[in-house]
């Protein structure tokens, strides 16, 4: 799908009817795909196609897609590569609008035959205006549309989020889904794009940027097919003030080799990619925890853009935690301004005896006996003119049950709403959240991230993106 025109992906993410080509009770992929559609709430028509069977999991099976009497909007392919070309031709004849080819055995295997099959299905899809996801992928998920054309088990009903994600690797996307579920992080769209014979990452990104539910775009990419399109999408993200966060392999010779073996991707020059990221304010991260935690933080901040800056104030119940936050923040290029004399005097009158009036501010765990003291300290710190960002670190993560820390957290929004400064809840440890913790964070609705260095790098990336946006508007 080359060129610069925008592509409507509605039939892929929100089809009214779906057929599974290659349906059989002997395939776990088929079973998982059917179960995912049911469990995520798909209420359209679902058909099975396979000339060998009359019934699969209680569904009537048709010999070909052409034998289905009703309209079919989307088709999931679970047939060997050598049968895919004919099946795609039949989809074109039927008027199917989008196809998701789960099967591997195409250009990713480096063989002439597989590459030939991929070129043939690509040509048919392009000629007939069919949206092609894959091949060699796990499929797509649209939580708002309640559609999960996905062949790996989804752990539970997915919530509605504001992050759109594309990953060329299906297995890694499945891992991200599992990790995110444990962290209470939800998405607007999830895509395993595979070899990208038809739709490429930039096409999905562009669609996400136009989506009202999505305010952050992220992904794992192995290569960029159309550099001009990618740059145009990056400009669109700047214009709409929706950040892009990416993992991209190809910075080492081995990474380049593995990417080609996996999806047939040509990774391109890593130095050129770095240059594009810097110019366009794209955040590049190294691993999947960084990817989803940074995306989650950005998605909360992007609801209402605050004032951004490198001058940080910290309120901690742990002196050691305060010291670690200050050291990591300083190492990442942030400042911790001294508090003015009047603020210091006010704080000295209310913090516990073993606390320390400075920035970072150590209020000790004694404030748990009187959470209102912590909240009063927050109020004083937010009024400091020399502070841009206030961080609330918790050394043991987010509580899993009621107590003084949840009382403090639930009291923060009333104070924070009076400021335009960036305020962040920080868990200094990485951990899954209980259902109770997830609900607590939803009630508080304050930007939250796990990992201290990750937090500072995310803030730094957001400041850089904000600078790029402002310069773009000036031009």
Protein backbone atom coordinates (compact mmCIF):
# COMPACT_ATOMS: atom_id res chain seq x y z
CA UNK A 1 0.00 0.00 0.00
CA UNK A 2 2.52 2.59 -1.15
CA UNK A 3 1.84 6.23 -1.84
CA UNK A 4 0.73 9.06 0.37
CA UNK A 5 -3.07 8.66 0.30
CA UNK A 6 -4.85 7.90 3.55
CA UNK A 7 -6.42 4.46 3.84
CA UNK A 8 -9.65 3.74 5.71
CA UNK A 9 -9.03 0.65 7.84
CA UNK A 10 -12.56 0.38 9.25
CA UNK A 11 -13.28 -2.94 7.52
CA UNK A 12 -10.20 -4.43 9.17
CA UNK A 13 -10.85 -3.17 12.71
CA UNK A 14 -14.64 -3.06 12.79
CA UNK A 15 -16.04 -5.54 10.24
CA UNK A 16 -19.69 -6.57 10.40
CA UNK A 17 -18.93 -10.07 9.08
CA UNK A 18 -15.85 -12.33 9.26
CA UNK A 19 -14.92 -15.68 7.77
CA UNK A 20 -12.10 -17.98 8.81
CA UNK A 21 -10.50 -19.65 5.78
CA UNK A 22 -8.89 -22.95 6.70
CA UNK A 23 -11.17 -23.57 9.68
CA UNK A 24 -10.57 -26.89 11.40
CA UNK A 25 -10.99 -28.29 14.90
CA UNK A 26 -7.41 -29.58 14.66
CA UNK A 27 -5.94 -26.07 14.81
CA UNK A 28 -5.36 -24.29 18.11
CA UNK A 29 -5.06 -21.04 16.14
CA UNK A 30 -8.60 -21.47 14.82
CA UNK A 31 -9.92 -22.32 18.27
CA UNK A 32 -8.22 -19.28 19.83
CA UNK A 33 -9.44 -16.96 17.06
CA UNK A 34 -13.07 -18.08 17.53
CA UNK A 35 -12.84 -17.85 21.33
CA UNK A 36 -11.27 -14.38 21.18
CA UNK A 37 -14.03 -13.07 18.92
CA UNK A 38 -16.69 -14.47 21.21
CA UNK A 39 -15.11 -13.32 24.46
CA UNK A 40 -14.33 -9.78 23.27
CA UNK A 41 -17.98 -9.37 22.27
CA UNK A 42 -18.06 -9.60 18.46
CA UNK A 43 -21.72 -9.49 17.46
CA UNK A 44 -21.42 -9.73 13.68
CA UNK A 45 -21.70 -12.77 11.46
CA UNK A 46 -18.93 -15.39 11.69
CA UNK A 47 -18.43 -18.00 8.94
CA UNK A 48 -16.12 -21.00 8.47
CA UNK A 49 -14.48 -22.04 5.18
CA UNK A 50 -12.86 -25.40 4.44
CA UNK A 51 -13.75 -27.87 1.64
CA UNK A 52 -12.90 -30.84 3.91
CA UNK A 53 -15.56 -30.30 6.60
CA UNK A 54 -19.29 -29.78 7.03
CA UNK A 55 -19.09 -28.40 10.58
CA UNK A 56 -16.38 -26.85 12.81
CA UNK A 57 -17.04 -26.05 16.48
CA UNK A 58 -20.77 -26.01 15.75
CA UNK A 59 -20.51 -23.63 12.77
CA UNK A 60 -21.63 -24.57 9.27
CA UNK A 61 -18.57 -24.82 7.01
CA UNK A 62 -18.59 -23.63 3.39
CA UNK A 63 -16.26 -25.09 0.71
CA UNK A 64 -15.04 -21.63 -0.36
CA UNK A 65 -15.75 -18.03 0.53
CA UNK A 66 -17.76 -17.80 -2.71
CA UNK A 67 -20.26 -20.31 -1.29
CA UNK A 68 -21.19 -18.10 1.66
CA UNK A 69 -24.61 -16.65 0.77
CA UNK A 70 -24.18 -13.38 2.68
CA UNK A 71 -21.68 -10.54 2.33
CA UNK A 72 -18.24 -11.08 3.93
CA UNK A 73 -16.31 -7.99 4.95
CA UNK A 74 -13.16 -9.54 6.47
CA UNK A 75 -11.37 -12.87 6.08
CA UNK A 76 -8.85 -14.52 8.41
CA UNK A 77 -6.46 -16.87 6.60
CA UNK A 78 -5.23 -20.01 8.32
CA UNK A 79 -4.30 -22.00 5.23
CA UNK A 80 -0.79 -22.96 4.03
CA UNK A 81 0.94 -20.36 1.85
CA UNK A 82 0.59 -22.49 -1.30
CA UNK A 83 -3.24 -22.31 -1.00
CA UNK A 84 -3.40 -18.64 -0.06
CA UNK A 85 -3.12 -17.20 -3.58
CA UNK A 86 -6.27 -18.94 -4.85
CA UNK A 87 -8.15 -18.07 -1.65
CA UNK A 88 -7.22 -14.39 -1.99
CA UNK A 89 -8.46 -14.44 -5.60
CA UNK A 90 -11.76 -15.86 -4.38
CA UNK A 91 -11.98 -13.12 -1.73
CA UNK A 92 -11.50 -10.54 -4.48
CA UNK A 93 -14.31 -12.13 -6.50
CA UNK A 94 -16.54 -12.20 -3.41
CA UNK A 95 -15.91 -8.52 -2.68
CA UNK A 96 -14.16 -9.07 0.68
CA UNK A 97 -12.78 -5.73 1.85
CA UNK A 98 -9.95 -6.83 4.15
CA UNK A 99 -7.91 -9.95 4.84
CA UNK A 100 -5.65 -10.99 7.69
CA UNK A 101 -3.16 -13.69 6.70
CA UNK A 102 -1.92 -15.47 9.82
CA UNK A 103 -0.01 -18.14 7.89
CA UNK A 104 3.76 -18.02 7.52
CA UNK A 105 5.88 -19.45 4.69
CA UNK A 106 6.10 -16.31 2.57
CA UNK A 107 8.97 -13.83 2.04
CA UNK A 108 10.19 -14.24 5.62
CA UNK A 109 11.67 -17.66 4.88
CA UNK A 110 14.06 -16.26 2.27
CA UNK A 111 12.98 -18.83 -0.31
CA UNK A 112 12.01 -17.95 -3.87
CA UNK A 113 8.68 -19.82 -3.68
CA UNK A 114 7.54 -18.04 -0.49
CA UNK A 115 8.50 -14.63 -1.90
CA UNK A 116 6.59 -15.45 -5.08
CA UNK A 117 3.43 -16.32 -3.12
CA UNK A 118 3.72 -13.03 -1.19
CA UNK A 119 4.09 -10.96 -4.34
CA UNK A 120 1.06 -12.68 -5.88
CA UNK A 121 -1.26 -12.04 -2.92
CA UNK A 122 0.04 -8.48 -2.69
CA UNK A 123 -0.73 -7.87 -6.37
CA UNK A 124 -4.26 -9.32 -6.09
CA UNK A 125 -5.02 -7.29 -2.97
CA UNK A 126 -3.68 -4.06 -4.49
CA UNK A 127 -5.53 -4.56 -7.77
CA UNK A 128 -8.84 -5.18 -6.00
CA UNK A 129 -8.52 -2.61 -3.21
CA UNK A 130 -8.34 -5.26 -0.47
CA UNK A 131 -6.68 -4.28 2.80
CA UNK A 132 -3.99 -6.85 3.55
CA UNK A 133 -2.68 -7.43 7.09
CA UNK A 134 0.30 -9.79 7.20
CA UNK A 135 1.17 -12.41 6.14
CA UNK A 136 3.05 -14.13 8.98
CA UNK A 137 1.21 -12.29 11.74
CA UNK A 138 -1.12 -12.90 14.70
CA UNK A 139 -3.85 -10.47 13.59
CA UNK A 140 -5.58 -7.40 14.99
CA UNK A 141 -7.61 -6.36 18.05
CA UNK A 142 -10.04 -3.45 18.31
CA UNK A 143 -11.35 -3.15 21.89
CA UNK A 144 -13.82 -0.36 21.03
CA UNK A 145 -15.14 -2.36 18.07
CA UNK A 146 -15.16 -5.57 20.14
CA UNK A 147 -13.29 -7.35 17.35
CA UNK A 148 -10.34 -9.65 18.03
CA UNK A 149 -9.03 -11.26 14.83
CA UNK A 150 -6.19 -12.64 16.88
CA UNK A 151 -4.84 -16.20 17.01
CA UNK A 152 -3.27 -16.17 20.47
CA UNK A 153 -5.22 -16.33 23.72
CA UNK A 154 -6.23 -12.95 25.15
CA UNK A 155 -6.23 -12.95 28.97
CA UNK A 156 -9.60 -11.51 29.83
CA UNK A 157 -11.89 -8.88 28.40
CA UNK A 158 -9.84 -5.94 27.15
CA UNK A 159 -10.63 -2.45 28.42
CA UNK A 160 -10.88 0.70 26.30
CA UNK A 161 -7.68 2.73 26.20
CA UNK A 162 -6.08 5.52 24.20
CA UNK A 163 -2.91 3.78 22.94
CA UNK A 164 -2.62 2.35 19.43
CA UNK A 165 0.14 -0.23 19.04
CA UNK A 166 1.66 -2.00 16.02
CA UNK A 167 4.21 -4.79 16.31
CA UNK A 168 5.63 -6.80 13.45
CA UNK A 169 6.08 -9.73 15.82
CA UNK A 170 2.88 -11.51 16.83
CA UNK A 171 4.43 -13.41 19.73
CA UNK A 172 5.83 -10.19 21.18
CA UNK A 173 2.46 -8.47 20.83
CA UNK A 174 0.86 -11.36 22.73
CA UNK A 175 3.47 -10.82 25.47
CA UNK A 176 2.70 -7.11 25.58
CA UNK A 177 -1.03 -7.87 25.93
CA UNK A 178 -0.29 -10.11 28.92
CA UNK A 179 2.09 -7.60 30.51
CA UNK A 180 -0.31 -4.72 29.99
CA UNK A 181 -3.24 -6.61 31.48
CA UNK A 182 -1.24 -7.07 34.67
CA UNK A 183 -0.42 -3.36 34.77
CA UNK A 184 -3.92 -2.07 34.05
CA UNK A 185 -2.85 -0.55 30.72
CA UNK A 186 -5.52 -0.52 27.99
CA UNK A 187 -5.35 0.09 24.23
CA UNK A 188 -7.50 1.50 21.44
CA UNK A 189 -5.98 -0.77 18.76
CA UNK A 190 -3.47 -3.64 18.71
CA UNK A 191 -1.90 -4.91 15.49
CA UNK A 192 0.51 -7.71 14.63
CA UNK A 193 1.58 -6.61 11.15
CA UNK A 194 3.97 -9.43 10.19
CA UNK A 195 5.69 -9.14 6.82
CA UNK A 196 3.65 -6.04 5.88
CA UNK A 197 3.09 -7.16 2.29
CA UNK A 198 0.08 -4.85 2.06
CA UNK A 199 -0.49 -2.48 4.94
CA UNK A 200 2.68 -1.25 6.62
CA UNK A 201 3.22 0.24 10.05
CA UNK A 202 2.83 3.80 8.77
CA UNK A 203 -0.66 3.01 7.43
CA UNK A 204 -1.78 1.81 10.85
CA UNK A 205 -0.11 4.77 12.58
CA UNK A 206 -1.94 7.21 10.32
CA UNK A 207 -5.29 5.56 11.01
CA UNK A 208 -4.61 5.71 14.76
CA UNK A 209 -3.73 9.39 14.57
CA UNK A 210 -7.10 10.10 12.96
CA UNK A 211 -8.94 8.09 15.62
CA UNK A 212 -10.57 10.21 18.37
CA UNK A 213 -9.99 7.53 21.03
CA UNK A 214 -6.22 7.39 20.40
CA UNK A 215 -3.77 9.97 21.73
CA UNK A 216 -0.53 7.94 21.73
CA UNK A 217 0.92 5.71 18.99
CA UNK A 218 3.59 3.11 19.67
CA UNK A 219 5.17 0.09 18.07
CA UNK A 220 7.91 -2.42 17.43
CA UNK A 221 9.17 -2.17 13.86
CA UNK A 222 11.88 -4.03 12.02
CA UNK A 223 12.04 -1.86 8.93
CA UNK A 224 10.47 1.12 7.16
CA UNK A 225 9.26 0.40 3.64
CA UNK A 226 8.30 3.93 2.59
CA UNK A 227 10.45 6.57 4.27
CA UNK A 228 8.49 9.49 2.80
CA UNK A 229 5.22 8.06 4.16
CA UNK A 230 6.77 7.49 7.59
CA UNK A 231 8.01 11.11 7.73
CA UNK A 232 4.60 12.37 6.64
CA UNK A 233 2.95 10.36 9.42
CA UNK A 234 5.47 11.75 11.93
CA UNK A 235 4.51 15.28 10.82
CA UNK A 236 0.85 14.40 11.23
CA UNK A 237 1.58 13.23 14.80
CA UNK A 238 3.27 16.56 15.53
CA UNK A 239 0.36 18.51 14.04
CA UNK A 240 -2.16 16.54 16.14
CA UNK A 241 0.15 16.58 19.18
CA UNK A 242 -0.01 12.80 19.55
CA UNK A 243 3.40 11.31 20.49
CA UNK A 244 4.95 8.30 18.74
CA UNK A 245 7.00 5.80 20.79
CA UNK A 246 8.99 3.09 19.02
CA UNK A 247 11.30 0.15 19.43
CA UNK A 248 13.24 -0.46 16.23
CA UNK A 249 15.84 -3.13 15.69
CA UNK A 250 18.68 -2.78 13.21
CA UNK A 251 21.36 -0.97 15.20
CA UNK A 252 23.61 -4.07 15.02
CA UNK A 253 24.56 -6.40 12.16
CA UNK A 254 22.95 -9.32 13.98
CA UNK A 255 19.72 -7.35 14.49
CA UNK A 256 19.61 -6.62 10.76
CA UNK A 257 20.12 -10.30 9.93
CA UNK A 258 17.46 -11.54 12.36
CA UNK A 259 14.91 -8.97 11.16
CA UNK A 260 15.31 -10.20 7.60
CA UNK A 261 14.90 -13.83 8.66
CA UNK A 262 11.82 -13.00 10.73
CA UNK A 263 9.73 -10.87 8.36
CA UNK A 264 11.96 -10.26 5.35
CA UNK A 265 12.38 -6.68 6.56
CA UNK A 266 15.20 -4.44 5.34
CA UNK A 267 15.96 -2.41 8.45
CA UNK A 268 17.76 0.48 6.72
CA UNK A 269 20.33 2.85 8.19
CA UNK A 270 20.03 3.12 11.97
CA UNK A 271 21.82 6.48 12.01
CA UNK A 272 19.29 7.86 9.54
CA UNK A 273 16.42 6.53 11.66
CA UNK A 274 17.91 8.17 14.77
CA UNK A 275 18.11 11.45 12.90
CA UNK A 276 14.44 11.24 11.87
CA UNK A 277 13.40 10.46 15.45
CA UNK A 278 15.30 13.44 16.79
CA UNK A 279 13.91 15.81 14.18
CA UNK A 280 10.31 14.63 14.59
CA UNK A 281 10.26 14.19 18.38
CA UNK A 282 9.75 10.42 18.17
CA UNK A 283 10.57 8.63 21.42
CA UNK A 284 12.78 5.59 20.90
CA UNK A 285 12.93 3.03 23.72
CA UNK A 286 14.87 -0.19 24.22
CA UNK A 287 12.46 -2.76 25.65
CA UNK A 288 8.78 -3.59 26.08
CA UNK A 289 8.44 -2.43 29.67
CA UNK A 290 9.75 0.96 28.56
CA UNK A 291 7.36 0.92 25.61
CA UNK A 292 4.11 0.24 27.46
CA UNK A 293 4.96 2.18 30.64
CA UNK A 294 6.02 5.26 28.65
CA UNK A 295 2.96 4.98 26.41
CA UNK A 296 0.70 4.67 29.45
CA UNK A 297 2.23 7.77 31.07
CA UNK A 298 1.94 9.76 27.85
CA UNK A 299 -1.68 8.70 27.35
CA UNK A 300 -2.63 10.20 30.72
CA UNK A 301 -0.63 13.40 30.20
CA UNK A 302 -1.95 13.93 26.68
CA UNK A 303 -5.53 14.23 27.94
CA UNK A 304 -4.61 17.68 29.22
CA UNK A 305 -1.16 18.92 28.34
CA UNK A 306 0.56 20.47 31.38
CA UNK A 307 3.42 22.91 31.66
CA UNK A 308 6.64 20.96 31.08
CA UNK A 309 10.15 21.56 32.36
CA UNK A 310 13.26 20.00 33.89
CA UNK A 311 12.92 21.57 37.36
CA UNK A 312 11.57 18.85 39.63
CA UNK A 313 10.08 18.76 43.11
CA UNK A 314 9.80 15.47 45.02
CA UNK A 315 7.78 14.48 48.09
CA UNK A 316 8.79 11.12 49.52
CA UNK A 317 7.93 9.10 52.63
CA UNK A 318 11.39 7.49 52.38
CA UNK A 319 14.68 9.33 52.78
CA UNK A 320 16.49 6.64 50.83
CA UNK A 321 13.87 6.73 48.10
CA UNK A 322 14.17 10.52 47.91
CA UNK A 323 17.93 10.23 47.53
CA UNK A 324 17.68 7.65 44.74
CA UNK A 325 15.11 9.70 42.83
CA UNK A 326 17.34 12.80 43.12
CA UNK A 327 20.46 10.95 41.98
CA UNK A 328 18.80 9.31 38.96
CA UNK A 329 17.03 12.54 38.03
CA UNK A 330 20.27 14.53 38.21
CA UNK A 331 22.00 11.89 36.09
CA UNK A 332 19.26 12.30 33.46
CA UNK A 333 19.77 16.08 33.34
CA UNK A 334 17.04 17.33 35.71
CA UNK A 335 17.34 20.01 38.39
CA UNK A 336 15.99 19.97 41.94
CA UNK A 337 15.69 23.65 42.92
CA UNK A 338 16.05 24.75 46.52
CA UNK A 339 12.78 25.69 48.19
CA UNK A 340 12.26 29.36 48.96
CA UNK A 341 12.54 30.50 52.55
CA UNK A 342 8.80 31.04 53.16
CA UNK A 343 7.90 27.57 51.85
CA UNK A 344 10.64 25.99 53.97
CA UNK A 345 9.32 27.70 57.09
CA UNK A 346 5.77 26.50 56.44
CA UNK A 347 6.94 22.94 55.83
CA UNK A 348 9.11 22.92 58.94
CA UNK A 349 6.06 23.66 61.06
CA UNK A 350 4.07 20.64 59.82
CA UNK A 351 6.36 17.76 58.82
CA UNK A 352 7.25 15.10 61.42
CA UNK A 353 10.29 15.56 63.63
CA UNK A 354 12.42 13.03 61.73
CA UNK A 355 11.62 14.56 58.33
CA UNK A 356 13.89 16.87 56.36
CA UNK A 357 12.86 20.13 54.71
CA UNK A 358 14.59 20.28 51.33
CA UNK A 359 13.98 19.24 47.77
CA UNK A 360 13.47 16.28 47.63
CA UNK A 361 11.22 16.61 50.66
CA UNK A 362 11.35 13.70 53.12
CA UNK A 363 8.10 13.64 55.11
CA UNK A 364 8.73 10.13 56.56
CA UNK A 365 6.16 7.36 56.97
CA UNK A 366 4.85 9.14 60.06
CA UNK A 367 2.53 11.12 57.76
CA UNK A 368 0.57 7.89 57.31
CA UNK A 369 -0.92 8.60 60.72
CA UNK A 370 -2.13 11.95 59.39
CA UNK A 371 -2.38 11.91 55.55
CA UNK A 372 -3.58 15.53 55.54
CA UNK A 373 0.00 16.61 56.37
CA UNK A 374 1.28 14.99 53.16
CA UNK A 375 -1.42 16.73 51.12
CA UNK A 376 -0.63 20.10 52.73
CA UNK A 377 3.03 19.61 51.74
CA UNK A 378 1.94 18.93 48.16
CA UNK A 379 0.02 22.20 48.12
CA UNK A 380 3.08 24.14 49.26
CA UNK A 381 5.35 22.47 46.70
CA UNK A 382 2.96 23.12 43.81
CA UNK A 383 3.09 26.84 44.62
CA UNK A 384 6.87 26.95 44.17
CA UNK A 385 7.58 29.08 41.08
CA UNK A 386 10.93 27.39 40.42
CA UNK A 387 9.38 23.93 40.08
CA UNK A 388 7.87 22.61 36.82
CA UNK A 389 7.18 18.98 37.72
CA UNK A 390 6.22 17.28 40.99
CA UNK A 391 6.86 13.55 41.49
CA UNK A 392 5.27 11.41 44.20
CA UNK A 393 7.45 8.28 44.55
CA UNK A 394 6.26 5.18 46.38
CA UNK A 395 8.97 2.68 47.24
CA UNK A 396 6.68 -0.34 47.53
CA UNK A 397 4.49 0.31 44.50
CA UNK A 398 0.76 0.94 44.46
CA UNK A 399 -1.12 -0.52 47.47
CA UNK A 400 -3.34 -3.53 46.95
CA UNK A 401 -5.84 -2.65 49.69
CA UNK A 402 -7.18 0.38 51.63
CA UNK A 403 -4.79 2.27 53.91
CA UNK A 404 -2.99 5.60 54.36
CA UNK A 405 -1.28 5.62 50.93
CA UNK A 406 -4.59 5.17 49.03
CA UNK A 407 -6.07 7.94 51.24
CA UNK A 408 -3.20 10.21 50.17
CA UNK A 409 -3.55 9.23 46.51
CA UNK A 410 -7.29 9.92 46.48
CA UNK A 411 -6.70 13.32 48.06
CA UNK A 412 -4.18 14.41 45.42
CA UNK A 413 -6.58 15.17 42.49
CA UNK A 414 -8.36 17.97 44.40
CA UNK A 415 -5.03 19.75 44.91
CA UNK A 416 -3.48 18.95 41.53
CA UNK A 417 -6.43 20.27 39.54
CA UNK A 418 -5.47 23.79 40.67
CA UNK A 419 -2.08 23.67 38.88
CA UNK A 420 -0.85 23.37 35.30
CA UNK A 421 2.34 21.62 36.44
CA UNK A 422 3.07 18.03 35.53
CA UNK A 423 2.37 15.73 38.50
CA UNK A 424 3.36 12.05 38.40
CA UNK A 425 2.77 9.05 40.63
CA UNK A 426 5.91 6.92 40.56
CA UNK A 427 6.28 3.31 41.62
CA UNK A 428 9.97 2.69 42.23
CA UNK A 429 9.45 -1.04 41.66
CA UNK A 430 7.99 -2.84 38.65
CA UNK A 431 5.06 -5.03 39.60
CA UNK A 432 1.67 -6.24 38.45
CA UNK A 433 -1.31 -4.47 39.97
CA UNK A 434 -4.25 -6.03 41.76
CA UNK A 435 -7.75 -5.26 40.47
CA UNK A 436 -8.17 -3.03 43.52
CA UNK A 437 -4.97 -1.12 42.64
CA UNK A 438 -6.11 -0.63 39.05
CA UNK A 439 -9.42 0.82 40.22
CA UNK A 440 -7.58 3.10 42.65
CA UNK A 441 -5.43 4.49 39.83
CA UNK A 442 -8.54 5.03 37.67
CA UNK A 443 -10.21 6.98 40.47
CA UNK A 444 -7.14 9.13 40.99
CA UNK A 445 -6.61 9.66 37.24
CA UNK A 446 -3.07 10.97 37.78
CA UNK A 447 -0.24 10.12 35.32
CA UNK A 448 1.47 6.99 36.66
CA UNK A 449 4.64 5.11 35.71
CA UNK A 450 6.77 2.31 37.13
CA UNK A 451 10.56 2.68 37.17
CA UNK A 452 12.48 5.77 38.29
CA UNK A 453 14.93 6.16 35.41
CA UNK A 454 12.18 5.30 32.97
CA UNK A 455 10.08 8.12 34.45
CA UNK A 456 12.77 10.75 33.93
CA UNK A 457 13.53 9.57 30.41
CA UNK A 458 9.83 9.67 29.57
CA UNK A 459 9.51 13.24 30.89
CA UNK A 460 12.59 14.21 28.89
CA UNK A 461 11.09 12.71 25.72
CA UNK A 462 7.82 14.55 26.32
CA UNK A 463 9.65 17.85 26.78
CA UNK A 464 11.47 17.23 23.48
CA UNK A 465 8.23 16.37 21.67
CA UNK A 466 6.59 19.51 23.06
CA UNK A 467 9.54 21.56 21.72
CA UNK A 468 9.16 19.97 18.28
CA UNK A 469 5.40 20.71 18.29
CA UNK A 470 5.98 24.37 19.17
CA UNK A 471 8.63 24.77 16.46
CA UNK A 472 6.33 23.08 13.93
CA UNK A 473 3.54 25.53 14.74
CA UNK A 474 5.91 28.49 14.33
CA UNK A 475 6.81 27.30 10.82
